Protein backbone atom coordinates (compact mmCIF):
# COMPACT_ATOMS: atom_id res chain seq x y z
CA MET A 1 0.32 15.57 -21.33
CA LYS A 2 1.88 12.11 -21.24
CA ALA A 3 0.33 9.38 -19.08
CA LEU A 4 0.34 5.62 -18.56
CA TYR A 5 -2.93 4.77 -20.26
CA LEU A 6 -5.10 1.67 -20.38
CA GLU A 7 -7.43 1.57 -23.39
CA ARG A 8 -8.26 -2.16 -23.43
CA ILE A 9 -8.24 -4.91 -20.85
CA ASP A 10 -5.65 -7.33 -22.15
CA GLY A 11 -2.91 -7.62 -19.50
CA PRO A 12 0.03 -5.30 -18.71
CA GLU A 13 1.41 -5.53 -22.25
CA SER A 14 -1.65 -3.56 -23.39
CA VAL A 15 -0.77 -0.34 -21.50
CA VAL A 16 0.81 2.55 -23.38
CA VAL A 17 2.46 5.85 -22.54
CA ALA A 18 0.14 8.11 -24.50
CA GLU A 19 -0.55 11.78 -25.11
CA VAL A 20 -3.84 12.66 -23.40
CA ASP A 21 -5.67 15.88 -22.56
CA THR A 22 -4.11 17.95 -19.78
CA PRO A 23 -6.73 18.37 -17.03
CA VAL A 24 -7.93 21.74 -15.71
CA PRO A 25 -9.07 21.99 -12.08
CA GLY A 26 -12.74 22.55 -11.36
CA PRO A 27 -14.20 24.29 -8.31
CA GLY A 28 -12.64 22.98 -5.11
CA GLU A 29 -9.82 21.26 -7.02
CA VAL A 30 -6.14 21.84 -7.59
CA ARG A 31 -3.86 20.62 -10.34
CA VAL A 32 -0.60 18.95 -9.33
CA ALA A 33 2.41 18.72 -11.61
CA LEU A 34 3.50 15.25 -10.61
CA ARG A 35 7.17 14.54 -9.96
CA ALA A 36 6.93 10.87 -8.98
CA ALA A 37 4.42 8.02 -8.68
CA SER A 38 4.72 4.36 -7.88
CA ILE A 39 3.42 1.09 -9.28
CA ASN A 40 1.27 -1.27 -7.23
CA HIS A 41 -0.01 -4.79 -7.88
CA ARG A 42 -3.40 -3.15 -8.19
CA GLU A 43 -2.39 -1.83 -11.61
CA LEU A 44 -1.57 -5.36 -12.74
CA PHE A 45 -4.98 -6.59 -11.55
CA ILE A 46 -6.70 -3.73 -13.40
CA THR A 47 -5.01 -4.58 -16.71
CA HIS A 48 -6.49 -8.08 -16.40
CA GLY A 49 -9.97 -6.76 -15.61
CA GLN A 50 -9.75 -8.00 -12.02
CA TYR A 51 -11.29 -4.95 -10.39
CA PRO A 52 -14.92 -4.07 -9.57
CA GLY A 53 -16.76 -1.48 -11.64
CA MET A 54 -14.04 -1.04 -14.22
CA THR A 55 -14.27 1.48 -17.04
CA VAL A 56 -11.68 2.19 -19.73
CA PRO A 57 -9.87 4.18 -20.99
CA ILE A 58 -8.18 5.29 -17.77
CA THR A 59 -4.91 6.82 -16.60
CA LEU A 60 -3.37 4.34 -14.14
CA GLY A 61 -1.81 4.86 -10.71
CA CYS A 62 -2.94 6.00 -7.27
CA ASP A 63 0.36 7.05 -5.63
CA GLY A 64 1.81 10.44 -6.35
CA ALA A 65 3.78 13.46 -5.16
CA GLY A 66 4.43 16.73 -6.91
CA VAL A 67 3.96 20.51 -6.98
CA VAL A 68 0.70 22.46 -7.03
CA ASP A 69 0.66 24.36 -10.33
CA MET A 70 -2.97 25.50 -10.79
CA ILE A 71 -5.75 26.29 -8.31
CA GLY A 72 -9.47 25.99 -8.96
CA GLU A 73 -12.28 28.30 -7.93
CA GLY A 74 -13.01 28.50 -4.22
CA VAL A 75 -9.82 26.81 -3.05
CA THR A 76 -8.05 28.27 -0.01
CA GLY A 77 -5.11 27.21 2.14
CA VAL A 78 -2.84 26.16 -0.71
CA ARG A 79 -0.52 28.02 -3.06
CA GLU A 80 1.06 27.34 -6.41
CA GLY A 81 4.49 25.85 -5.78
CA ASP A 82 3.48 23.89 -2.67
CA GLU A 83 5.13 20.47 -2.55
CA VAL A 84 2.52 17.84 -1.79
CA VAL A 85 1.78 14.12 -1.53
CA LEU A 86 -1.64 12.83 -2.53
CA TYR A 87 -4.19 10.89 -0.48
CA PRO A 88 -4.78 8.06 -2.97
CA ALA A 89 -8.60 7.93 -2.90
CA ARG A 90 -11.80 9.96 -2.85
CA ASN A 91 -15.12 9.93 -1.00
CA TRP A 92 -14.27 7.85 2.08
CA GLY A 93 -17.17 9.36 3.99
CA SER A 94 -17.74 9.93 7.72
CA ASN A 95 -17.54 6.34 9.03
CA ARG A 96 -14.03 5.62 10.28
CA HIS A 97 -14.65 1.88 10.24
CA ALA A 98 -15.49 1.46 6.54
CA PRO A 99 -15.69 3.59 3.38
CA ALA A 100 -18.86 4.96 1.79
CA ALA A 101 -20.51 3.32 -1.22
CA ASP A 102 -19.03 5.86 -3.65
CA PHE A 103 -15.48 5.51 -2.30
CA GLY A 104 -12.87 4.91 -4.98
CA LEU A 105 -9.15 5.11 -5.65
CA LEU A 106 -7.21 7.25 -8.06
CA GLY A 107 -6.34 5.27 -11.19
CA MET A 108 -9.73 3.48 -11.17
CA PRO A 109 -12.37 4.76 -11.13
CA PHE A 110 -10.81 8.25 -10.90
CA ALA A 111 -7.99 9.54 -13.12
CA GLY A 112 -4.58 8.29 -12.02
CA THR A 113 -1.18 9.56 -11.02
CA ILE A 114 1.23 7.99 -13.51
CA ALA A 115 1.01 11.13 -15.59
CA GLU A 116 2.46 14.59 -15.86
CA TYR A 117 -0.58 16.23 -14.21
CA ILE A 118 -3.60 15.33 -12.10
CA CYS A 119 -6.53 17.31 -10.71
CA VAL A 120 -7.82 16.34 -7.26
CA PRO A 121 -9.96 17.89 -4.53
CA VAL A 122 -7.89 20.15 -2.31
CA ASP A 123 -8.59 17.82 0.63
CA ASN A 124 -6.50 15.14 -1.10
CA LEU A 125 -3.33 17.17 -0.52
CA ALA A 126 -0.89 16.73 2.35
CA PRO A 127 2.45 18.53 2.66
CA LYS A 128 5.31 16.45 1.32
CA PRO A 129 7.52 15.44 4.26
CA ALA A 130 10.58 17.66 4.01
CA PHE A 131 13.02 14.82 4.70
CA MET A 132 11.74 12.81 1.71
CA SER A 133 12.53 13.18 -1.97
CA PHE A 134 9.65 13.28 -4.44
CA GLU A 135 10.48 9.69 -5.36
CA GLU A 136 10.21 8.60 -1.73
CA ALA A 137 7.03 10.55 -1.07
CA GLY A 138 5.49 9.25 -4.29
CA ALA A 139 6.09 5.67 -3.12
CA MET A 140 4.19 6.14 0.15
CA PRO A 141 0.44 6.65 -0.28
CA LEU A 142 -1.42 3.39 -0.97
CA THR A 143 0.79 0.75 0.59
CA ALA A 144 1.95 2.81 3.56
CA LEU A 145 -1.62 3.90 4.28
CA THR A 146 -2.96 0.35 3.94
CA SER A 147 -0.26 -0.95 6.27
CA TRP A 148 -0.75 1.80 8.83
CA ARG A 149 -4.51 1.32 9.07
CA ALA A 150 -4.23 -2.47 9.21
CA LEU A 151 -1.71 -2.39 12.05
CA MET A 152 -2.67 0.63 14.10
CA PHE A 153 -6.42 1.13 13.61
CA LYS A 154 -7.61 -2.40 12.89
CA GLY A 155 -4.87 -4.43 14.57
CA ARG A 156 -4.37 -2.08 17.53
CA LEU A 157 -0.68 -3.01 17.64
CA GLU A 158 1.08 -1.97 20.85
CA ALA A 159 4.75 -1.71 21.83
CA GLY A 160 6.06 -5.01 23.14
CA GLU A 161 3.56 -7.15 21.24
CA THR A 162 4.61 -9.81 18.75
CA LEU A 163 3.69 -9.26 15.11
CA LEU A 164 3.91 -11.78 12.27
CA ILE A 165 4.12 -10.28 8.77
CA SER A 166 3.20 -12.84 6.15
CA GLY A 167 5.06 -12.46 2.85
CA VAL A 168 7.48 -9.64 3.51
CA GLY A 169 8.89 -7.84 0.48
CA GLY A 170 5.78 -6.22 -0.95
CA GLY A 171 4.93 -2.60 -0.28
CA VAL A 172 2.35 -3.08 2.49
CA ALA A 173 4.44 -5.70 4.30
CA THR A 174 7.64 -3.68 4.05
CA PHE A 175 6.00 -0.54 5.42
CA GLY A 176 4.40 -2.68 8.11
CA LEU A 177 7.83 -3.87 9.17
CA ALA A 178 9.17 -0.31 9.40
CA PHE A 179 6.12 1.01 11.29
CA ALA A 180 6.03 -1.90 13.73
CA VAL A 181 9.74 -1.76 14.55
CA ALA A 182 9.43 1.99 15.19
CA LYS A 183 6.39 1.28 17.38
CA GLY A 184 8.47 -1.08 19.52
CA ALA A 185 6.85 -4.36 18.50
CA ASN A 186 8.69 -7.67 18.13
CA VAL A 187 8.40 -8.44 14.44
CA TYR A 188 8.78 -11.78 12.67
CA VAL A 189 8.29 -12.37 8.96
CA THR A 190 7.78 -15.03 6.35
CA GLY A 191 9.42 -14.68 2.94
CA GLU A 192 10.00 -16.50 -0.31
CA ASN A 193 13.78 -16.80 0.08
CA GLN A 194 16.55 -16.22 2.60
CA ASP A 195 17.70 -13.00 0.98
CA VAL A 196 14.29 -11.42 1.56
CA ILE A 197 14.32 -12.57 5.19
CA ASP A 198 17.86 -11.25 5.68
CA ARG A 199 16.78 -7.85 4.36
CA ALA A 200 13.85 -7.83 6.76
CA VAL A 201 16.16 -8.67 9.67
CA ALA A 202 18.44 -5.81 8.62
CA MET A 203 15.38 -3.53 8.93
CA GLY A 204 14.70 -4.71 12.47
CA ALA A 205 12.80 -8.00 12.25
CA LYS A 206 13.69 -10.51 14.97
CA GLY A 207 13.71 -13.44 12.54
CA GLY A 208 11.85 -15.14 9.73
CA LEU A 209 10.74 -18.35 8.07
CA LEU A 210 10.54 -19.45 4.45
CA TYR A 211 6.93 -19.81 3.41
CA THR A 212 8.18 -22.13 0.68
CA ASP A 213 9.12 -24.60 3.44
CA PRO A 214 6.14 -26.96 3.88
CA ASP A 215 7.06 -27.41 7.55
CA TRP A 216 7.13 -23.73 8.55
CA ARG A 217 3.89 -24.20 10.48
CA LYS A 218 5.80 -26.42 12.91
CA GLN A 219 8.43 -23.73 13.52
CA VAL A 220 6.46 -20.49 13.80
CA GLY A 221 5.29 -20.99 17.40
CA LYS A 222 8.77 -21.78 18.65
CA LEU A 223 10.32 -18.89 16.76
CA THR A 224 7.84 -16.23 17.87
CA GLY A 225 6.82 -17.48 21.30
CA GLY A 226 3.21 -16.71 20.34
CA ILE A 227 1.68 -14.12 18.03
CA ASP A 228 -0.43 -11.12 19.06
CA VAL A 229 -1.07 -9.58 15.64
CA VAL A 230 -0.81 -10.95 12.09
CA LEU A 231 -0.53 -8.78 8.96
CA ASP A 232 -1.54 -10.91 5.97
CA GLY A 233 -2.29 -10.00 2.36
CA ALA A 234 -2.33 -13.58 1.05
CA PRO A 235 -4.13 -15.64 3.70
CA SER A 236 -5.27 -18.53 1.52
CA PRO A 237 -1.99 -20.49 1.72
CA SER A 238 -0.68 -19.03 4.98
CA PHE A 239 -3.55 -18.86 7.48
CA ALA A 240 -3.51 -22.51 8.52
CA ASN A 241 0.25 -22.36 9.06
CA TYR A 242 0.21 -19.67 11.75
CA VAL A 243 -3.25 -19.85 13.34
CA ARG A 244 -2.20 -22.44 15.95
CA ALA A 245 0.57 -20.07 17.11
CA ILE A 246 -1.64 -17.09 17.97
CA ASN A 247 -1.96 -15.85 21.54
CA PRO A 248 -5.23 -15.32 23.40
CA GLY A 249 -6.84 -12.12 22.15
CA ALA A 250 -4.82 -12.11 18.90
CA ARG A 251 -5.89 -9.96 15.94
CA ILE A 252 -5.45 -11.40 12.45
CA VAL A 253 -5.67 -8.53 9.97
CA ILE A 254 -6.35 -9.44 6.33
CA TYR A 255 -5.81 -6.71 3.76
CA GLY A 256 -5.75 -8.68 0.50
CA SER A 257 -6.26 -11.98 -1.29
CA THR A 258 -3.26 -12.14 -3.59
CA ALA A 259 -2.98 -15.95 -3.52
CA GLY A 260 -6.70 -16.78 -3.60
CA ASN A 261 -9.96 -16.04 -1.78
CA GLU A 262 -10.64 -19.22 0.18
CA ILE A 263 -9.43 -19.72 3.76
CA LYS A 264 -10.01 -22.96 5.68
CA PHE A 265 -9.68 -23.12 9.46
CA ASN A 266 -11.24 -24.65 12.53
CA ALA A 267 -13.60 -22.39 14.45
CA THR A 268 -12.07 -23.56 17.73
CA ASP A 269 -8.71 -22.06 16.71
CA ILE A 270 -10.39 -18.65 16.84
CA PHE A 271 -13.08 -18.66 19.54
CA LEU A 272 -11.13 -20.64 22.12
CA LYS A 273 -8.40 -17.98 21.86
CA SER A 274 -10.91 -15.09 21.86
CA ALA A 275 -9.14 -14.05 18.67
CA SER A 276 -10.40 -11.71 15.95
CA ILE A 277 -10.17 -11.91 12.16
CA VAL A 278 -10.36 -8.36 10.87
CA GLY A 279 -10.62 -7.06 7.31
CA SER A 280 -8.88 -3.84 6.36
CA GLN A 281 -8.74 -1.80 3.16
CA VAL A 282 -6.75 1.33 2.34
CA GLY A 283 -7.45 3.99 5.01
CA ASP A 284 -9.29 7.24 5.58
CA PRO A 285 -7.86 10.78 5.47
CA GLN A 286 -7.24 10.73 9.23
CA ASP A 287 -5.20 7.53 8.87
CA PHE A 288 -3.24 9.23 6.09
CA LYS A 289 -2.33 12.23 8.24
CA GLU A 290 -1.39 10.03 11.20
CA MET A 291 0.74 7.77 8.98
CA LEU A 292 2.67 10.69 7.49
CA ALA A 293 3.21 12.24 10.93
CA PHE A 294 4.53 8.94 12.33
CA ALA A 295 6.81 8.48 9.31
CA GLU A 296 8.20 11.98 9.79
CA GLN A 297 8.63 11.51 13.54
CA HIS A 298 10.61 8.30 13.04
CA ALA A 299 12.30 9.25 9.73
CA ILE A 300 10.72 6.26 7.96
CA LYS A 301 11.35 6.19 4.23
CA PRO A 302 10.15 3.65 1.69
CA VAL A 303 12.45 0.99 0.33
CA ILE A 304 12.74 1.70 -3.41
CA GLU A 305 13.70 -1.29 -5.55
CA ALA A 306 13.75 0.36 -8.98
CA THR A 307 13.07 3.73 -10.64
CA TYR A 308 11.92 4.33 -14.23
CA PRO A 309 11.17 7.53 -16.18
CA LEU A 310 7.58 8.09 -17.33
CA ALA A 311 8.54 7.11 -20.88
CA GLN A 312 9.34 3.64 -19.51
CA ALA A 313 6.31 3.31 -17.23
CA LYS A 314 5.18 0.17 -19.05
CA GLU A 315 8.56 -1.40 -18.28
CA ALA A 316 8.07 -0.42 -14.63
CA LEU A 317 4.76 -2.30 -14.58
CA LEU A 318 6.39 -5.36 -16.15
CA HIS A 319 9.22 -5.12 -13.60
CA LEU A 320 6.66 -5.43 -10.83
CA ARG A 321 5.18 -8.48 -12.50
CA ASP A 322 8.40 -10.26 -13.43
CA GLN A 323 11.30 -9.06 -11.27
CA HIS A 324 9.96 -7.57 -8.04
CA LYS A 325 11.46 -8.86 -4.78
CA PHE A 326 11.59 -6.17 -2.08
CA GLY A 327 10.30 -2.60 -1.95
CA LYS A 328 8.63 -0.19 -4.33
CA VAL A 329 8.87 0.46 -8.08
CA VAL A 330 8.79 4.20 -8.80
CA VAL A 331 8.07 6.25 -11.94
CA THR A 332 9.51 9.76 -12.25
CA MET A 333 8.20 12.67 -14.33
């Protein structure tokens, strides 16, 4: 089969679309003929070696949707021809608050989805929402799940509350906007340019600020009227700009460190507001089911920025690095 393959750690230019062995499902597994996958910034980090416990070679990608085409020994409750979307990880464990030590995502350390076929445990399958295309379903798993858990499980977002999404345009932030608007929250965003903010407003945001404006910290309190929940994947440059605008009892949910690891703040900004800083990563299978059900209930589809065939999967990865502005980059098989 063909797959987007990483044999050496030398940046995104080092990936290739290669012919690799077609997997066969073991006991408890199914094989899925993938129809679509999507590219995440995680794949860029992996090509630079910026990921714990890396091993190569590896097939990249953790998002995928397709059709069950082979069933392993002992598997029940699924049939060949079922249209499915994949939970993007394995081995979460029984603790809803944090994953087990052997938890890992597809595409590192487990075989990935940017390929013609993948074998996964049967528990990784969820029915593809009928109102979505394979391309749309294949763009959902990692970023939609990460956003859902951060907002609903960790952030405990409620209707009527005010949410600030830092850096709208990426997958997690864009799904967060859609989920929060459907939930009935008042959503405000920051973005790198006015076009990105205008697109967020068109999706239901109440307004936005340019994070490229050095004075946005002076405007955020007036614009929002006070913030109950923050969704932030790049807190290093942004945290100090919004922390003075949080309301008592606010929850600041951090799901990434795209712009650096260090955050500086005054302790009084947090404890005098009885605020919480909460870390969140990916999500468990229950989060995944709840996210898909909410998306189906509210007809939420991903924003797709660009689509590439598998033969051009390397170009899709470079698009994410060089051209990405708003939404998901999808690969079709």
